[in-house]
Amino acid sequence: MATNTKTLKLTFLNGEKKKNSITLADAVDNLTEDQVRGAMNTIASANVFEKDGVAYYKTPVSASYVERTVTDVFNDNAKKADTKAAE
């Protein structure tokens, strides 16, 4: 069985010009560039994510939807869940 997931990955530069990302599961599917850029600017300007004096999400760089398909070859955990559901 295959399962598909879609996430929204927000990439920022931190205060030391290194990349940091936030990945959001179940994000709205059809956001515009202006909507996402605005949200990222709000995160950056809040300046609440910091470690050792370095702001983690200082400058918005990019945003991407990431789609992932997982196809099980086998999954014993799924079989156990199906058995418990049938009881």
N, C-alpha and C. Protein backbone atom coordinates (compact mmCIF):
# COMPACT_ATOMS: atom_id res chain seq x y z
N MET A 1 0.84 -1.18 0.00
CA MET A 1 0.00 0.00 0.00
C MET A 1 0.89 1.25 0.00
N ALA A 2 0.50 2.23 -0.78
CA ALA A 2 1.26 3.48 -0.86
C ALA A 2 0.54 4.58 -0.10
N THR A 3 1.31 5.40 0.58
CA THR A 3 0.75 6.57 1.26
C THR A 3 1.46 7.81 0.74
N ASN A 4 0.69 8.85 0.53
CA ASN A 4 1.23 10.11 0.03
C ASN A 4 1.10 11.18 1.11
N THR A 5 2.13 11.98 1.25
CA THR A 5 2.09 13.10 2.16
C THR A 5 2.59 14.35 1.42
N LYS A 6 2.12 15.49 1.87
CA LYS A 6 2.57 16.75 1.29
C LYS A 6 2.85 17.71 2.44
N THR A 7 4.04 18.29 2.44
CA THR A 7 4.43 19.23 3.48
C THR A 7 4.86 20.54 2.83
N LEU A 8 4.91 21.56 3.65
CA LEU A 8 5.42 22.86 3.19
C LEU A 8 6.72 23.12 3.94
N LYS A 9 7.80 23.27 3.20
CA LYS A 9 9.12 23.49 3.80
C LYS A 9 9.49 24.97 3.63
N LEU A 10 9.73 25.63 4.77
CA LEU A 10 10.13 27.04 4.79
C LEU A 10 11.60 27.10 5.16
N THR A 11 12.40 27.73 4.30
CA THR A 11 13.84 27.80 4.53
C THR A 11 14.24 29.25 4.79
N PHE A 12 15.04 29.41 5.84
CA PHE A 12 15.52 30.72 6.28
C PHE A 12 17.03 30.68 6.41
N LEU A 13 17.66 31.85 6.41
CA LEU A 13 19.05 31.99 6.84
C LEU A 13 19.00 32.43 8.29
N ASN A 14 19.90 31.87 9.10
CA ASN A 14 19.96 32.30 10.49
C ASN A 14 20.91 33.50 10.60
N GLY A 15 21.16 33.94 11.82
CA GLY A 15 22.02 35.09 12.04
C GLY A 15 23.46 34.89 11.61
N GLU A 16 23.85 33.63 11.37
CA GLU A 16 25.21 33.33 10.92
C GLU A 16 25.24 32.94 9.44
N LYS A 17 24.15 33.22 8.74
CA LYS A 17 24.02 32.94 7.29
C LYS A 17 24.02 31.44 6.97
N LYS A 18 23.56 30.62 7.92
CA LYS A 18 23.39 29.19 7.68
C LYS A 18 21.90 28.91 7.52
N LYS A 19 21.56 27.88 6.73
CA LYS A 19 20.16 27.56 6.47
C LYS A 19 19.54 26.80 7.62
N ASN A 20 18.30 27.16 7.94
CA ASN A 20 17.45 26.44 8.88
C ASN A 20 16.08 26.32 8.23
N SER A 21 15.39 25.25 8.50
CA SER A 21 14.08 25.03 7.89
C SER A 21 13.03 24.69 8.92
N ILE A 22 11.80 25.03 8.56
CA ILE A 22 10.61 24.62 9.29
C ILE A 22 9.78 23.81 8.30
N THR A 23 9.36 22.62 8.68
CA THR A 23 8.52 21.80 7.82
C THR A 23 7.14 21.67 8.45
N LEU A 24 6.13 22.05 7.68
CA LEU A 24 4.76 22.03 8.17
C LEU A 24 3.96 20.92 7.51
N ALA A 25 3.46 20.01 8.31
CA ALA A 25 2.60 18.94 7.79
C ALA A 25 1.19 19.49 7.61
N ASP A 26 0.46 18.93 6.69
CA ASP A 26 -0.95 19.29 6.46
C ASP A 26 -1.14 20.78 6.17
N ALA A 27 -0.20 21.38 5.49
CA ALA A 27 -0.32 22.79 5.12
C ALA A 27 -1.37 22.95 4.03
N VAL A 28 -1.99 24.11 3.98
CA VAL A 28 -2.94 24.41 2.93
C VAL A 28 -2.23 24.24 1.59
N ASP A 29 -2.93 23.66 0.64
CA ASP A 29 -2.33 23.21 -0.61
C ASP A 29 -2.02 24.30 -1.63
N ASN A 30 -2.75 25.39 -1.63
CA ASN A 30 -2.64 26.34 -2.74
C ASN A 30 -2.28 27.75 -2.28
N LEU A 31 -1.35 27.86 -1.36
CA LEU A 31 -0.93 29.17 -0.88
C LEU A 31 -0.15 29.92 -1.96
N THR A 32 -0.31 31.22 -1.99
CA THR A 32 0.42 32.03 -2.97
C THR A 32 1.78 32.43 -2.41
N GLU A 33 2.63 32.90 -3.29
CA GLU A 33 3.94 33.38 -2.85
C GLU A 33 3.78 34.50 -1.83
N ASP A 34 2.87 35.44 -2.08
CA ASP A 34 2.68 36.55 -1.15
C ASP A 34 2.22 36.07 0.22
N GLN A 35 1.33 35.08 0.27
CA GLN A 35 0.86 34.56 1.55
C GLN A 35 2.00 33.91 2.34
N VAL A 36 2.77 33.08 1.65
CA VAL A 36 3.85 32.36 2.32
C VAL A 36 4.97 33.31 2.72
N ARG A 37 5.33 34.20 1.82
CA ARG A 37 6.39 35.17 2.12
C ARG A 37 5.97 36.05 3.31
N GLY A 38 4.71 36.46 3.35
CA GLY A 38 4.21 37.25 4.47
C GLY A 38 4.31 36.50 5.79
N ALA A 39 3.92 35.22 5.78
CA ALA A 39 4.01 34.40 6.99
C ALA A 39 5.46 34.24 7.42
N MET A 40 6.35 34.03 6.47
CA MET A 40 7.76 33.86 6.78
C MET A 40 8.35 35.16 7.35
N ASN A 41 7.94 36.28 6.79
CA ASN A 41 8.41 37.57 7.32
C ASN A 41 7.92 37.79 8.75
N THR A 42 6.70 37.34 9.03
CA THR A 42 6.16 37.45 10.39
C THR A 42 6.99 36.59 11.36
N ILE A 43 7.32 35.38 10.94
CA ILE A 43 8.16 34.51 11.77
C ILE A 43 9.52 35.16 12.01
N ALA A 44 10.11 35.68 10.95
CA ALA A 44 11.43 36.31 11.07
C ALA A 44 11.40 37.53 11.98
N SER A 45 10.38 38.36 11.83
CA SER A 45 10.34 39.60 12.61
C SER A 45 9.97 39.35 14.07
N ALA A 46 9.33 38.22 14.37
CA ALA A 46 9.00 37.88 15.76
C ALA A 46 10.27 37.62 16.58
N ASN A 47 11.30 37.10 15.91
CA ASN A 47 12.60 36.88 16.54
C ASN A 47 12.50 36.11 17.86
N VAL A 48 11.68 35.06 17.87
CA VAL A 48 11.49 34.28 19.10
C VAL A 48 12.26 32.96 19.09
N PHE A 49 12.81 32.59 17.96
CA PHE A 49 13.57 31.34 17.88
C PHE A 49 15.06 31.67 17.86
N GLU A 50 15.70 31.40 18.97
CA GLU A 50 17.10 31.79 19.13
C GLU A 50 17.82 30.76 20.00
N LYS A 51 19.08 30.55 19.69
CA LYS A 51 19.91 29.69 20.52
C LYS A 51 21.31 30.29 20.58
N ASP A 52 21.83 30.41 21.77
CA ASP A 52 23.16 30.96 21.99
C ASP A 52 23.33 32.33 21.32
N GLY A 53 22.28 33.14 21.35
CA GLY A 53 22.34 34.48 20.79
C GLY A 53 22.21 34.57 19.29
N VAL A 54 21.95 33.44 18.61
CA VAL A 54 21.82 33.44 17.15
C VAL A 54 20.36 33.22 16.78
N ALA A 55 19.78 34.15 16.02
CA ALA A 55 18.40 34.01 15.55
C ALA A 55 18.34 32.89 14.51
N TYR A 56 17.44 31.91 14.75
CA TYR A 56 17.34 30.76 13.84
C TYR A 56 16.69 31.10 12.51
N TYR A 57 15.67 31.91 12.52
CA TYR A 57 14.88 32.19 11.31
C TYR A 57 14.90 33.69 11.05
N LYS A 58 16.03 34.17 10.56
CA LYS A 58 16.24 35.61 10.41
C LYS A 58 15.80 36.14 9.04
N THR A 59 16.17 35.43 7.97
CA THR A 59 15.90 35.91 6.62
C THR A 59 15.22 34.82 5.79
N PRO A 60 13.99 35.05 5.32
CA PRO A 60 13.34 34.07 4.46
C PRO A 60 14.12 33.88 3.16
N VAL A 61 14.28 32.61 2.75
CA VAL A 61 15.04 32.30 1.54
C VAL A 61 14.17 31.61 0.50
N SER A 62 13.40 30.60 0.92
CA SER A 62 12.59 29.86 -0.04
C SER A 62 11.47 29.11 0.68
N ALA A 63 10.49 28.71 -0.13
CA ALA A 63 9.39 27.88 0.37
C ALA A 63 9.04 26.88 -0.72
N SER A 64 8.83 25.63 -0.32
CA SER A 64 8.54 24.58 -1.30
C SER A 64 7.53 23.60 -0.73
N TYR A 65 6.63 23.15 -1.60
CA TYR A 65 5.80 22.00 -1.24
C TYR A 65 6.63 20.76 -1.53
N VAL A 66 6.66 19.82 -0.60
CA VAL A 66 7.40 18.58 -0.78
C VAL A 66 6.40 17.44 -0.72
N GLU A 67 6.34 16.66 -1.81
CA GLU A 67 5.44 15.52 -1.87
C GLU A 67 6.25 14.24 -1.71
N ARG A 68 5.71 13.33 -0.92
CA ARG A 68 6.43 12.10 -0.62
C ARG A 68 5.47 10.92 -0.75
N THR A 69 5.91 9.88 -1.45
CA THR A 69 5.14 8.65 -1.56
C THR A 69 5.93 7.53 -0.92
N VAL A 70 5.30 6.82 0.01
CA VAL A 70 5.92 5.68 0.68
C VAL A 70 5.14 4.44 0.29
N THR A 71 5.84 3.47 -0.27
CA THR A 71 5.22 2.21 -0.65
C THR A 71 5.86 1.11 0.18
N ASP A 72 5.05 0.47 1.02
CA ASP A 72 5.55 -0.61 1.86
C ASP A 72 5.86 -1.84 1.04
N VAL A 73 6.99 -2.44 1.30
CA VAL A 73 7.30 -3.77 0.78
C VAL A 73 6.64 -4.78 1.71
N PHE A 74 6.81 -4.54 3.01
CA PHE A 74 6.04 -5.23 4.04
C PHE A 74 5.99 -4.35 5.26
N ASN A 75 4.96 -4.56 6.09
CA ASN A 75 4.81 -3.77 7.30
C ASN A 75 4.06 -4.60 8.33
N ASP A 76 4.82 -5.25 9.20
CA ASP A 76 4.22 -6.11 10.22
C ASP A 76 3.36 -5.30 11.19
N ASN A 77 3.72 -4.05 11.44
CA ASN A 77 2.92 -3.21 12.33
C ASN A 77 1.52 -2.98 11.77
N ALA A 78 1.40 -2.82 10.47
CA ALA A 78 0.08 -2.62 9.86
C ALA A 78 -0.77 -3.88 10.01
N LYS A 79 -0.16 -5.03 9.89
CA LYS A 79 -0.91 -6.29 10.06
C LYS A 79 -1.43 -6.41 11.48
N LYS A 80 -0.61 -6.03 12.46
CA LYS A 80 -1.04 -6.08 13.86
C LYS A 80 -2.19 -5.14 14.11
N ALA A 81 -2.15 -3.94 13.51
CA ALA A 81 -3.21 -2.96 13.69
C ALA A 81 -4.50 -3.47 13.06
N ASP A 82 -4.40 -4.11 11.87
CA ASP A 82 -5.58 -4.67 11.22
C ASP A 82 -6.20 -5.78 12.06
N THR A 83 -5.37 -6.62 12.67
CA THR A 83 -5.86 -7.72 13.50
C THR A 83 -6.58 -7.19 14.73
N LYS A 84 -6.02 -6.17 15.37
CA LYS A 84 -6.66 -5.58 16.55
C LYS A 84 -7.97 -4.92 16.18
N ALA A 85 -8.05 -4.28 15.04
CA ALA A 85 -9.28 -3.62 14.60
C ALA A 85 -10.38 -4.63 14.33
N ALA A 86 -10.01 -5.80 13.86
CA ALA A 86 -10.98 -6.84 13.53
C ALA A 86 -11.54 -7.53 14.79
N GLU A 87 -10.85 -7.43 15.90
CA GLU A 87 -11.28 -8.11 17.14
C GLU A 87 -12.47 -7.45 17.77
